[in-house]
N, C-alpha and C. Protein backbone atom coordinates (compact mmCIF):
# COMPACT_ATOMS: atom_id res chain seq x y z
N UNK A 1 31.40 8.93 -54.65
CA UNK A 1 32.48 9.88 -54.65
C UNK A 1 31.99 11.09 -53.87
N UNK A 2 32.84 11.74 -53.17
CA UNK A 2 32.48 12.88 -52.36
C UNK A 2 32.42 14.22 -53.32
N UNK A 3 31.46 15.07 -52.80
CA UNK A 3 31.25 16.33 -53.47
C UNK A 3 31.48 17.36 -52.47
N UNK A 4 32.26 18.50 -52.86
CA UNK A 4 32.50 19.57 -52.00
C UNK A 4 31.44 20.56 -52.09
N UNK A 5 30.76 20.89 -50.85
CA UNK A 5 29.73 21.88 -50.77
C UNK A 5 30.11 22.92 -49.70
N UNK A 6 30.54 24.05 -50.16
CA UNK A 6 31.10 25.03 -49.26
C UNK A 6 32.29 24.60 -48.69
N UNK A 7 32.50 24.43 -47.45
CA UNK A 7 33.75 23.95 -46.81
C UNK A 7 33.63 22.53 -46.38
N UNK A 8 32.52 21.81 -46.77
CA UNK A 8 32.28 20.41 -46.34
C UNK A 8 32.26 19.52 -47.49
N UNK A 9 32.47 18.26 -47.26
CA UNK A 9 32.41 17.13 -48.20
C UNK A 9 31.23 16.29 -47.85
N UNK A 10 30.44 16.01 -48.93
CA UNK A 10 29.27 15.00 -48.70
C UNK A 10 29.22 14.01 -49.86
N UNK A 11 28.52 12.96 -49.62
CA UNK A 11 28.44 11.92 -50.68
C UNK A 11 27.53 12.49 -51.79
N UNK A 12 27.62 11.93 -52.89
CA UNK A 12 26.77 12.34 -54.09
C UNK A 12 25.33 12.06 -53.70
N UNK A 13 25.01 11.03 -53.04
CA UNK A 13 23.66 10.77 -52.74
C UNK A 13 23.08 11.71 -51.83
N UNK A 14 23.88 12.18 -50.80
CA UNK A 14 23.42 13.11 -49.96
C UNK A 14 23.17 14.61 -50.66
N UNK A 15 24.03 14.81 -51.52
CA UNK A 15 23.93 16.05 -52.38
C UNK A 15 22.68 16.02 -53.21
N UNK A 16 22.42 14.90 -53.89
CA UNK A 16 21.20 14.74 -54.73
C UNK A 16 19.89 14.84 -54.01
N UNK A 17 19.98 14.28 -52.75
CA UNK A 17 18.79 14.26 -51.84
C UNK A 17 18.54 15.70 -51.46
N UNK A 18 19.53 16.48 -51.02
CA UNK A 18 19.36 17.81 -50.60
C UNK A 18 18.83 18.69 -51.72
N UNK A 19 19.35 18.50 -52.95
CA UNK A 19 18.90 19.26 -54.10
C UNK A 19 17.42 18.89 -54.34
N UNK A 20 16.97 17.65 -54.19
CA UNK A 20 15.58 17.31 -54.38
C UNK A 20 14.69 17.97 -53.36
N UNK A 21 15.08 17.94 -52.16
CA UNK A 21 14.26 18.47 -51.03
C UNK A 21 14.23 20.00 -51.16
N UNK A 22 15.21 20.66 -51.74
CA UNK A 22 15.18 22.06 -51.93
C UNK A 22 14.17 22.44 -52.91
N UNK A 23 13.85 21.69 -53.92
CA UNK A 23 12.89 21.84 -55.04
C UNK A 23 11.42 21.84 -54.48
N UNK A 24 11.24 21.02 -53.36
CA UNK A 24 9.93 20.82 -52.84
C UNK A 24 9.09 22.06 -52.50
N UNK A 25 9.72 23.04 -51.76
CA UNK A 25 8.98 24.24 -51.45
C UNK A 25 8.49 25.01 -52.63
N UNK A 26 9.24 24.91 -53.78
CA UNK A 26 8.80 25.56 -55.00
C UNK A 26 7.54 25.02 -55.50
N UNK A 27 7.48 23.68 -55.43
CA UNK A 27 6.25 22.89 -55.89
C UNK A 27 5.03 23.39 -55.05
N UNK A 28 5.30 23.33 -53.67
CA UNK A 28 4.28 23.73 -52.75
C UNK A 28 3.65 25.10 -52.98
N UNK A 29 4.62 26.02 -53.26
CA UNK A 29 4.20 27.43 -53.42
C UNK A 29 3.34 27.55 -54.75
N UNK A 30 3.73 26.82 -55.76
CA UNK A 30 3.02 26.77 -56.99
C UNK A 30 1.57 26.24 -56.91
N UNK A 31 1.51 25.14 -55.94
CA UNK A 31 0.19 24.67 -55.72
C UNK A 31 -0.69 25.60 -54.94
N UNK A 32 -0.15 26.29 -53.88
CA UNK A 32 -0.88 27.26 -53.26
C UNK A 32 -1.31 28.39 -54.14
N UNK A 33 -0.48 28.70 -55.03
CA UNK A 33 -0.86 29.83 -55.93
C UNK A 33 -2.09 29.34 -56.79
N UNK A 34 -2.02 28.12 -57.29
CA UNK A 34 -3.10 27.49 -58.14
C UNK A 34 -4.44 27.52 -57.32
N UNK A 35 -4.31 27.10 -56.13
CA UNK A 35 -5.49 27.02 -55.16
C UNK A 35 -6.05 28.38 -54.92
N UNK A 36 -5.24 29.42 -54.69
CA UNK A 36 -5.70 30.74 -54.44
C UNK A 36 -6.43 31.35 -55.74
N UNK A 37 -5.90 30.91 -56.93
CA UNK A 37 -6.50 31.39 -58.11
C UNK A 37 -7.97 30.71 -58.31
N UNK A 38 -7.92 29.39 -57.91
CA UNK A 38 -9.20 28.59 -58.12
C UNK A 38 -10.29 29.01 -57.07
N UNK A 39 -9.79 29.40 -55.86
CA UNK A 39 -10.72 29.74 -54.76
C UNK A 39 -10.30 31.05 -54.23
N UNK A 40 -10.65 32.14 -54.92
CA UNK A 40 -10.23 33.49 -54.47
C UNK A 40 -10.61 34.03 -53.16
N UNK A 41 -11.83 33.43 -52.71
CA UNK A 41 -12.36 33.92 -51.37
C UNK A 41 -11.92 33.12 -50.15
N UNK A 42 -10.94 32.24 -50.37
CA UNK A 42 -10.36 31.38 -49.42
C UNK A 42 -8.98 31.73 -49.12
N UNK A 43 -8.58 31.81 -47.80
CA UNK A 43 -7.15 32.08 -47.38
C UNK A 43 -6.52 30.83 -47.09
N UNK A 44 -5.46 30.46 -47.79
CA UNK A 44 -4.68 29.17 -47.46
C UNK A 44 -3.50 29.62 -46.72
N UNK A 45 -3.06 28.72 -45.73
CA UNK A 45 -1.96 28.92 -44.88
C UNK A 45 -1.18 27.57 -44.75
N UNK A 46 0.16 27.71 -44.64
CA UNK A 46 0.96 26.52 -44.36
C UNK A 46 1.58 26.69 -42.95
N UNK A 47 0.99 27.48 -42.24
CA UNK A 47 1.52 27.73 -40.85
C UNK A 47 1.12 26.53 -40.00
N UNK A 48 2.09 25.81 -39.35
CA UNK A 48 1.81 24.68 -38.58
C UNK A 48 1.87 24.97 -37.03
N UNK A 49 1.87 26.23 -36.64
CA UNK A 49 1.84 26.54 -35.22
C UNK A 49 0.48 26.36 -34.63
N UNK A 50 0.53 25.84 -33.44
CA UNK A 50 -0.79 25.54 -32.76
C UNK A 50 -1.54 26.82 -32.42
N UNK A 51 -2.85 26.72 -32.42
CA UNK A 51 -3.72 27.87 -32.13
C UNK A 51 -3.71 28.09 -30.53
N UNK A 52 -3.84 29.27 -30.22
CA UNK A 52 -3.86 29.50 -28.73
C UNK A 52 -5.06 30.31 -28.34
């Protein structure tokens, strides 16, 4: 069955997938926070830009 999101209609599967993907950054931030507490003298970054 279709689900209305804003002005668009998507399948329930697509909606469930998007909600699951949205939760992932929160898990990553929690992990970075735990690592920062465990290793206070180390700077962690998720920046994927290449070095110049």
